[in-house]
């Protein structure tokens, strides 16, 4: 039975970005929040790890956000070749 309301204030840009992703997944915000709450209940905790990235990880995030130090592959065969596999 749906008899409670959840209200939250979040950044407008984040809301727009997330709603675009949810739309592509065929979900609306209410469905996504309900799914999130169900997963918390089932797992008795968050359904993902929450960690603070270390310095090396933050550096990689920054570089990839700025399209630096990326290795581009044409296809899976090209990727395996570049990985030496």
PDB file of N, CA and C in Angstrom:
ATOM      1  N   UNK A   1       0.843  -1.171   0.000  1.00  0.00           N
ATOM      2  CA  UNK A   1       0.000   0.000   0.000  1.00  0.00           C
ATOM      3  C   UNK A   1       0.896   1.244   0.000  1.00  0.00           C
ATOM      4  N   UNK A   2       0.637   2.158  -0.907  1.00  0.00           N
ATOM      5  CA  UNK A   2       1.420   3.388  -0.993  1.00  0.00           C
ATOM      6  C   UNK A   2       0.681   4.487  -0.245  1.00  0.00           C
ATOM      7  N   UNK A   3       1.183   4.782   0.954  1.00  0.00           N
ATOM      8  CA  UNK A   3       0.494   5.776   1.775  1.00  0.00           C
ATOM      9  C   UNK A   3       1.446   6.798   2.400  1.00  0.00           C
ATOM     10  N   UNK A   4       2.700   6.848   1.913  1.00  0.00           N
ATOM     11  CA  UNK A   4       3.672   7.801   2.444  1.00  0.00           C
ATOM     12  C   UNK A   4       4.315   8.584   1.309  1.00  0.00           C
ATOM     13  N   UNK A   5       4.775   9.780   1.631  1.00  0.00           N
ATOM     14  CA  UNK A   5       5.430  10.649   0.665  1.00  0.00           C
ATOM     15  C   UNK A   5       6.869  10.884   1.096  1.00  0.00           C
ATOM     16  N   UNK A   6       7.778  10.863   0.134  1.00  0.00           N
ATOM     17  CA  UNK A   6       9.179  11.191   0.378  1.00  0.00           C
ATOM     18  C   UNK A   6       9.470  12.492  -0.357  1.00  0.00           C
ATOM     19  N   UNK A   7      10.043  13.455   0.357  1.00  0.00           N
ATOM     20  CA  UNK A   7      10.405  14.732  -0.266  1.00  0.00           C
ATOM     21  C   UNK A   7      11.882  14.988  -0.022  1.00  0.00           C
ATOM     22  N   UNK A   8      12.574  15.463  -1.052  1.00  0.00           N
ATOM     23  CA  UNK A   8      14.000  15.759  -0.920  1.00  0.00           C
ATOM     24  C   UNK A   8      14.344  16.932  -1.824  1.00  0.00           C
ATOM     25  N   UNK A   9      15.271  17.760  -1.377  1.00  0.00           N
ATOM     26  CA  UNK A   9      15.766  18.860  -2.193  1.00  0.00           C
ATOM     27  C   UNK A   9      17.151  18.474  -2.690  1.00  0.00           C
ATOM     28  N   UNK A  10      17.321  18.519  -4.020  1.00  0.00           N
ATOM     29  CA  UNK A  10      18.609  18.175  -4.608  1.00  0.00           C
ATOM     30  C   UNK A  10      18.960  19.194  -5.682  1.00  0.00           C
ATOM     31  N   UNK A  11      20.197  19.160  -6.119  1.00  0.00           N
ATOM     32  CA  UNK A  11      20.674  20.042  -7.180  1.00  0.00           C
ATOM     33  C   UNK A  11      19.862  19.810  -8.459  1.00  0.00           C
ATOM     34  N   UNK A  12      19.429  20.897  -9.085  1.00  0.00           N
ATOM     35  CA  UNK A  12      18.600  20.798 -10.286  1.00  0.00           C
ATOM     36  C   UNK A  12      19.290  20.115 -11.447  1.00  0.00           C
ATOM     37  N   UNK A  13      20.589  20.375 -11.620  1.00  0.00           N
ATOM     38  CA  UNK A  13      21.333  19.732 -12.702  1.00  0.00           C
ATOM     39  C   UNK A  13      21.440  18.234 -12.500  1.00  0.00           C
ATOM     40  N   UNK A  14      21.697  17.822 -11.270  1.00  0.00           N
ATOM     41  CA  UNK A  14      21.766  16.401 -10.946  1.00  0.00           C
ATOM     42  C   UNK A  14      20.421  15.736 -11.215  1.00  0.00           C
ATOM     43  N   UNK A  15      19.342  16.390 -10.802  1.00  0.00           N
ATOM     44  CA  UNK A  15      17.997  15.847 -11.012  1.00  0.00           C
ATOM     45  C   UNK A  15      17.729  15.630 -12.502  1.00  0.00           C
ATOM     46  N   UNK A  16      18.076  16.624 -13.307  1.00  0.00           N
ATOM     47  CA  UNK A  16      17.851  16.533 -14.746  1.00  0.00           C
ATOM     48  C   UNK A  16      18.670  15.399 -15.354  1.00  0.00           C
ATOM     49  N   UNK A  17      19.963  15.311 -14.977  1.00  0.00           N
ATOM     50  CA  UNK A  17      20.829  14.253 -15.503  1.00  0.00           C
ATOM     51  C   UNK A  17      20.289  12.872 -15.147  1.00  0.00           C
ATOM     52  N   UNK A  18      19.896  12.701 -13.886  1.00  0.00           N
ATOM     53  CA  UNK A  18      19.403  11.407 -13.427  1.00  0.00           C
ATOM     54  C   UNK A  18      18.081  11.061 -14.098  1.00  0.00           C
ATOM     55  N   UNK A  19      17.186  12.028 -14.235  1.00  0.00           N
ATOM     56  CA  UNK A  19      15.906  11.761 -14.888  1.00  0.00           C
ATOM     57  C   UNK A  19      16.100  11.347 -16.341  1.00  0.00           C
ATOM     58  N   UNK A  20      17.099  11.926 -17.026  1.00  0.00           N
ATOM     59  CA  UNK A  20      17.390  11.519 -18.406  1.00  0.00           C
ATOM     60  C   UNK A  20      17.839  10.061 -18.450  1.00  0.00           C
ATOM     61  N   UNK A  21      18.686   9.667 -17.511  1.00  0.00           N
ATOM     62  CA  UNK A  21      19.154   8.278 -17.456  1.00  0.00           C
ATOM     63  C   UNK A  21      17.995   7.344 -17.118  1.00  0.00           C
ATOM     64  N   UNK A  22      17.204   7.716 -16.124  1.00  0.00           N
ATOM     65  CA  UNK A  22      16.065   6.884 -15.739  1.00  0.00           C
ATOM     66  C   UNK A  22      15.097   6.710 -16.893  1.00  0.00           C
ATOM     67  N   UNK A  23      14.866   7.790 -17.635  1.00  0.00           N
ATOM     68  CA  UNK A  23      13.971   7.732 -18.792  1.00  0.00           C
ATOM     69  C   UNK A  23      14.463   6.697 -19.795  1.00  0.00           C
ATOM     70  N   UNK A  24      15.774   6.677 -20.042  1.00  0.00           N
ATOM     71  CA  UNK A  24      16.355   5.698 -20.970  1.00  0.00           C
ATOM     72  C   UNK A  24      16.192   4.277 -20.448  1.00  0.00           C
ATOM     73  N   UNK A  25      16.105   4.130 -19.127  1.00  0.00           N
ATOM     74  CA  UNK A  25      15.912   2.806 -18.518  1.00  0.00           C
ATOM     75  C   UNK A  25      14.440   2.437 -18.399  1.00  0.00           C
ATOM     76  N   UNK A  26      13.552   3.361 -18.768  1.00  0.00           N
ATOM     77  CA  UNK A  26      12.121   3.098 -18.687  1.00  0.00           C
ATOM     78  C   UNK A  26      11.553   3.289 -17.294  1.00  0.00           C
ATOM     79  N   UNK A  27      12.240   4.078 -16.471  1.00  0.00           N
ATOM     80  CA  UNK A  27      11.781   4.328 -15.099  1.00  0.00           C
ATOM     81  C   UNK A  27      11.524   5.808 -14.883  1.00  0.00           C
ATOM     82  N   UNK A  28      10.577   6.100 -13.993  1.00  0.00           N
ATOM     83  CA  UNK A  28      10.419   7.484 -13.566  1.00  0.00           C
ATOM     84  C   UNK A  28      11.054   7.612 -12.178  1.00  0.00           C
ATOM     85  N   UNK A  29      11.103   8.817 -11.653  1.00  0.00           N
ATOM     86  CA  UNK A  29      11.766   9.061 -10.373  1.00  0.00           C
ATOM     87  C   UNK A  29      11.124   8.269  -9.245  1.00  0.00           C
ATOM     88  N   UNK A  30       9.803   8.237  -9.200  1.00  0.00           N
ATOM     89  CA  UNK A  30       9.105   7.495  -8.143  1.00  0.00           C
ATOM     90  C   UNK A  30       9.458   6.015  -8.194  1.00  0.00           C
ATOM     91  N   UNK A  31       9.475   5.437  -9.384  1.00  0.00           N
ATOM     92  CA  UNK A  31       9.819   4.026  -9.525  1.00  0.00           C
ATOM     93  C   UNK A  31      11.263   3.760  -9.079  1.00  0.00           C
ATOM     94  N   UNK A  32      12.166   4.669  -9.438  1.00  0.00           N
ATOM     95  CA  UNK A  32      13.570   4.499  -9.065  1.00  0.00           C
ATOM     96  C   UNK A  32      13.752   4.579  -7.553  1.00  0.00           C
ATOM     97  N   UNK A  33      13.086   5.523  -6.909  1.00  0.00           N
ATOM     98  CA  UNK A  33      13.184   5.639  -5.454  1.00  0.00           C
ATOM     99  C   UNK A  33      12.593   4.404  -4.791  1.00  0.00           C
ATOM    100  N   UNK A  34      11.475   3.926  -5.297  1.00  0.00           N
ATOM    101  CA  UNK A  34      10.855   2.717  -4.752  1.00  0.00           C
ATOM    102  C   UNK A  34      11.793   1.523  -4.907  1.00  0.00           C
ATOM    103  N   UNK A  35      12.418   1.381  -6.067  1.00  0.00           N
ATOM    104  CA  UNK A  35      13.381   0.306  -6.309  1.00  0.00           C
ATOM    105  C   UNK A  35      14.550   0.402  -5.329  1.00  0.00           C
ATOM    106  N   UNK A  36      15.068   1.606  -5.144  1.00  0.00           N
ATOM    107  CA  UNK A  36      16.165   1.848  -4.210  1.00  0.00           C
ATOM    108  C   UNK A  36      15.762   1.440  -2.795  1.00  0.00           C
ATOM    109  N   UNK A  37      14.597   1.854  -2.344  1.00  0.00           N
ATOM    110  CA  UNK A  37      14.121   1.518  -0.997  1.00  0.00           C
ATOM    111  C   UNK A  37      13.936   0.002  -0.839  1.00  0.00           C
ATOM    112  N   UNK A  38      13.393  -0.656  -1.873  1.00  0.00           N
ATOM    113  CA  UNK A  38      13.218  -2.113  -1.806  1.00  0.00           C
ATOM    114  C   UNK A  38      14.566  -2.815  -1.678  1.00  0.00           C
ATOM    115  N   UNK A  39      15.557  -2.351  -2.418  1.00  0.00           N
ATOM    116  CA  UNK A  39      16.885  -2.957  -2.342  1.00  0.00           C
ATOM    117  C   UNK A  39      17.517  -2.746  -0.964  1.00  0.00           C
ATOM    118  N   UNK A  40      17.330  -1.573  -0.381  1.00  0.00           N
ATOM    119  CA  UNK A  40      17.833  -1.322   0.975  1.00  0.00           C
ATOM    120  C   UNK A  40      17.183  -2.292   1.959  1.00  0.00           C
ATOM    121  N   UNK A  41      15.879  -2.473   1.839  1.00  0.00           N
ATOM    122  CA  UNK A  41      15.163  -3.379   2.740  1.00  0.00           C
ATOM    123  C   UNK A  41      15.641  -4.821   2.565  1.00  0.00           C
ATOM    124  N   UNK A  42      15.798  -5.263   1.316  1.00  0.00           N
ATOM    125  CA  UNK A  42      16.230  -6.638   1.053  1.00  0.00           C
ATOM    126  C   UNK A  42      17.641  -6.910   1.559  1.00  0.00           C
ATOM    127  N   UNK A  43      18.526  -5.946   1.377  1.00  0.00           N
ATOM    128  CA  UNK A  43      19.939  -6.132   1.724  1.00  0.00           C
ATOM    129  C   UNK A  43      20.271  -5.694   3.146  1.00  0.00           C
ATOM    130  N   UNK A  44      19.304  -5.056   3.793  1.00  0.00           N
ATOM    131  CA  UNK A  44      19.528  -4.521   5.148  1.00  0.00           C
ATOM    132  C   UNK A  44      20.681  -3.519   5.150  1.00  0.00           C
ATOM    133  N   UNK A  45      20.762  -2.732   4.084  1.00  0.00           N
ATOM    134  CA  UNK A  45      21.812  -1.720   3.931  1.00  0.00           C
ATOM    135  C   UNK A  45      21.797  -1.186   2.518  1.00  0.00           C
ATOM    136  N   UNK A  46      22.725  -0.304   2.222  1.00  0.00           N
ATOM    137  CA  UNK A  46      22.796   0.258   0.874  1.00  0.00           C
ATOM    138  C   UNK A  46      23.134  -0.828  -0.143  1.00  0.00           C
ATOM    139  N   UNK A  47      22.555  -0.757  -1.335  1.00  0.00           N
ATOM    140  CA  UNK A  47      22.794  -1.794  -2.351  1.00  0.00           C
ATOM    141  C   UNK A  47      24.078  -1.572  -3.149  1.00  0.00           C
ATOM    142  N   UNK A  48      24.996  -0.800  -2.612  1.00  0.00           N
ATOM    143  CA  UNK A  48      26.281  -0.539  -3.265  1.00  0.00           C
ATOM    144  C   UNK A  48      27.272  -0.099  -2.203  1.00  0.00           C
ATOM    145  N   UNK A  49      28.561  -0.223  -2.516  1.00  0.00           N
ATOM    146  CA  UNK A  49      29.597   0.224  -1.597  1.00  0.00           C
ATOM    147  C   UNK A  49      29.695   1.740  -1.632  1.00  0.00           C
ATOM    148  N   UNK A  50      29.915   2.343  -0.485  1.00  0.00           N
ATOM    149  CA  UNK A  50      30.134   3.783  -0.393  1.00  0.00           C
ATOM    150  C   UNK A  50      31.560   3.974   0.102  1.00  0.00           C
ATOM    151  N   UNK A  51      32.394   4.562  -0.761  1.00  0.00           N
ATOM    152  CA  UNK A  51      33.799   4.742  -0.417  1.00  0.00           C
ATOM    153  C   UNK A  51      34.271   6.104  -0.894  1.00  0.00           C
ATOM    154  N   UNK A  52      35.295   6.593  -0.237  1.00  0.00           N
ATOM    155  CA  UNK A  52      35.961   7.815  -0.673  1.00  0.00           C
ATOM    156  C   UNK A  52      37.127   7.366  -1.545  1.00  0.00           C
ATOM    157  N   UNK A  53      37.149   7.802  -2.821  1.00  0.00           N
ATOM    158  CA  UNK A  53      38.226   7.348  -3.706  1.00  0.00           C
ATOM    159  C   UNK A  53      39.590   7.854  -3.238  1.00  0.00           C
ATOM    160  N   UNK A  54      40.625   7.008  -3.447  1.00  0.00           N
ATOM    161  CA  UNK A  54      41.971   7.427  -3.091  1.00  0.00           C
ATOM    162  C   UNK A  54      42.504   8.405  -4.137  1.00  0.00           C
ATOM    163  N   UNK A  55      43.686   8.933  -3.898  1.00  0.00           N
ATOM    164  CA  UNK A  55      44.267   9.960  -4.778  1.00  0.00           C
ATOM    165  C   UNK A  55      44.436   9.453  -6.207  1.00  0.00           C
ATOM    166  N   UNK A  56      44.903   8.219  -6.378  1.00  0.00           N
ATOM    167  CA  UNK A  56      45.103   7.678  -7.717  1.00  0.00           C
ATOM    168  C   UNK A  56      43.779   7.575  -8.473  1.00  0.00           C
ATOM    169  N   UNK A  57      42.731   7.120  -7.796  1.00  0.00           N
ATOM    170  CA  UNK A  57      41.417   6.998  -8.420  1.00  0.00           C
ATOM    171  C   UNK A  57      40.867   8.370  -8.787  1.00  0.00           C
ATOM    172  N   UNK A  58      41.017   9.349  -7.890  1.00  0.00           N
ATOM    173  CA  UNK A  58      40.552  10.714  -8.201  1.00  0.00           C
ATOM    174  C   UNK A  58      41.282  11.268  -9.420  1.00  0.00           C
ATOM    175  N   UNK A  59      42.588  10.973  -9.535  1.00  0.00           N
ATOM    176  CA  UNK A  59      43.375  11.430 -10.684  1.00  0.00           C
ATOM    177  C   UNK A  59      42.823  10.823 -11.971  1.00  0.00           C
ATOM    178  N   UNK A  60      42.542   9.526 -11.951  1.00  0.00           N
ATOM    179  CA  UNK A  60      42.003   8.846 -13.138  1.00  0.00           C
ATOM    180  C   UNK A  60      40.631   9.409 -13.500  1.00  0.00           C
ATOM    181  N   UNK A  61      39.772   9.628 -12.491  1.00  0.00           N
ATOM    182  CA  UNK A  61      38.456  10.238 -12.759  1.00  0.00           C
ATOM    183  C   UNK A  61      38.620  11.582 -13.451  1.00  0.00           C
ATOM    184  N   UNK A  62      39.529  12.409 -12.930  1.00  0.00           N
ATOM    185  CA  UNK A  62      39.749  13.743 -13.498  1.00  0.00           C
ATOM    186  C   UNK A  62      40.246  13.635 -14.938  1.00  0.00           C
ATOM    187  N   UNK A  63      41.211  12.754 -15.156  1.00  0.00           N
ATOM    188  CA  UNK A  63      41.762  12.587 -16.503  1.00  0.00           C
ATOM    189  C   UNK A  63      40.701  12.104 -17.491  1.00  0.00           C
ATOM    190  N   UNK A  64      39.917  11.126 -17.116  1.00  0.00           N
ATOM    191  CA  UNK A  64      38.912  10.620 -18.047  1.00  0.00           C
ATOM    192  C   UNK A  64      37.813  11.653 -18.279  1.00  0.00           C
ATOM    193  N   UNK A  65      37.458  12.423 -17.249  1.00  0.00           N
ATOM    194  CA  UNK A  65      36.471  13.494 -17.436  1.00  0.00           C
ATOM    195  C   UNK A  65      36.975  14.522 -18.442  1.00  0.00           C
ATOM    196  N   UNK A  66      38.297  14.702 -18.482  1.00  0.00           N
ATOM    197  CA  UNK A  66      38.914  15.671 -19.398  1.00  0.00           C
ATOM    198  C   UNK A  66      39.426  15.008 -20.677  1.00  0.00           C
ATOM    199  N   UNK A  67      39.045  13.755 -20.897  1.00  0.00           N
ATOM    200  CA  UNK A  67      39.436  12.977 -22.087  1.00  0.00           C
ATOM    201  C   UNK A  67      40.950  12.885 -22.246  1.00  0.00           C
ATOM    202  N   UNK A  68      41.674  12.751 -21.137  1.00  0.00           N
ATOM    203  CA  UNK A  68      43.129  12.620 -21.167  1.00  0.00           C
ATOM    204  C   UNK A  68      43.518  11.177 -20.873  1.00  0.00           C
ATOM    205  N   UNK A  69      44.644  10.740 -21.482  1.00  0.00           N
ATOM    206  CA  UNK A  69      45.215   9.411 -21.230  1.00  0.00           C
ATOM    207  C   UNK A  69      44.232   8.277 -21.490  1.00  0.00           C
ATOM    208  N   UNK A  70      43.394   8.457 -22.504  1.00  0.00           N
ATOM    209  CA  UNK A  70      42.440   7.411 -22.868  1.00  0.00           C
ATOM    210  C   UNK A  70      43.032   6.533 -23.964  1.00  0.00           C
ATOM    211  N   UNK A  71      42.735   5.257 -23.905  1.00  0.00           N
ATOM    212  CA  UNK A  71      43.120   4.340 -24.968  1.00  0.00           C
ATOM    213  C   UNK A  71      41.833   3.956 -25.687  1.00  0.00           C
ATOM    214  N   UNK A  72      41.749   4.310 -26.950  1.00  0.00           N
ATOM    215  CA  UNK A  72      40.549   4.065 -27.737  1.00  0.00           C
ATOM    216  C   UNK A  72      40.760   2.803 -28.575  1.00  0.00           C
ATOM    217  N   UNK A  73      39.765   1.932 -28.559  1.00  0.00           N
ATOM    218  CA  UNK A  73      39.831   0.678 -29.306  1.00  0.00           C
ATOM    219  C   UNK A  73      38.725   0.647 -30.350  1.00  0.00           C
ATOM    220  N   UNK A  74      39.053   0.087 -31.521  1.00  0.00           N
ATOM    221  CA  UNK A  74      38.067  -0.022 -32.598  1.00  0.00           C
ATOM    222  C   UNK A  74      37.012  -1.065 -32.279  1.00  0.00           C
ATOM    223  N   UNK A  75      37.442  -2.147 -31.652  1.00  0.00           N
ATOM    224  CA  UNK A  75      36.548  -3.251 -31.330  1.00  0.00           C
ATOM    225  C   UNK A  75      37.206  -4.119 -30.264  1.00  0.00           C
ATOM    226  N   UNK A  76      36.561  -5.233 -29.933  1.00  0.00           N
ATOM    227  CA  UNK A  76      37.071  -6.113 -28.875  1.00  0.00           C
ATOM    228  C   UNK A  76      38.436  -6.689 -29.251  1.00  0.00           C
ATOM    229  N   UNK A  77      38.611  -7.077 -30.519  1.00  0.00           N
ATOM    230  CA  UNK A  77      39.905  -7.629 -30.946  1.00  0.00           C
ATOM    231  C   UNK A  77      41.022  -6.609 -30.753  1.00  0.00           C
ATOM    232  N   UNK A  78      40.758  -5.362 -31.109  1.00  0.00           N
ATOM    233  CA  UNK A  78      41.741  -4.288 -30.946  1.00  0.00           C
ATOM    234  C   UNK A  78      42.052  -4.089 -29.456  1.00  0.00           C
ATOM    235  N   UNK A  79      41.028  -4.159 -28.620  1.00  0.00           N
ATOM    236  CA  UNK A  79      41.226  -3.995 -27.177  1.00  0.00           C
ATOM    237  C   UNK A  79      42.125  -5.106 -26.639  1.00  0.00           C
ATOM    238  N   UNK A  80      41.822  -6.361 -27.001  1.00  0.00           N
ATOM    239  CA  UNK A  80      42.631  -7.481 -26.511  1.00  0.00           C
ATOM    240  C   UNK A  80      44.078  -7.366 -27.005  1.00  0.00           C
ATOM    241  N   UNK A  81      44.250  -6.919 -28.239  1.00  0.00           N
ATOM    242  CA  UNK A  81      45.593  -6.742 -28.792  1.00  0.00           C
ATOM    243  C   UNK A  81      46.357  -5.695 -27.967  1.00  0.00           C
ATOM    244  N   UNK A  82      45.705  -4.568 -27.663  1.00  0.00           N
ATOM    245  CA  UNK A  82      46.358  -3.523 -26.886  1.00  0.00           C
ATOM    246  C   UNK A  82      46.644  -3.955 -25.445  1.00  0.00           C
ATOM    247  N   UNK A  83      45.822  -4.891 -24.942  1.00  0.00           N
ATOM    248  CA  UNK A  83      46.048  -5.418 -23.596  1.00  0.00           C
ATOM    249  C   UNK A  83      47.082  -6.544 -23.585  1.00  0.00           C
ATOM    250  N   UNK A  84      47.459  -7.009 -24.774  1.00  0.00           N
ATOM    251  CA  UNK A  84      48.439  -8.083 -24.872  1.00  0.00           C
ATOM    252  C   UNK A  84      47.850  -9.445 -24.555  1.00  0.00           C
ATOM    253  N   UNK A  85      46.570  -9.572 -24.794  1.00  0.00           N
ATOM    254  CA  UNK A  85      45.878 -10.833 -24.502  1.00  0.00           C
ATOM    255  C   UNK A  85      45.640 -11.605 -25.794  1.00  0.00           C
TER     256      UNK A  85
END
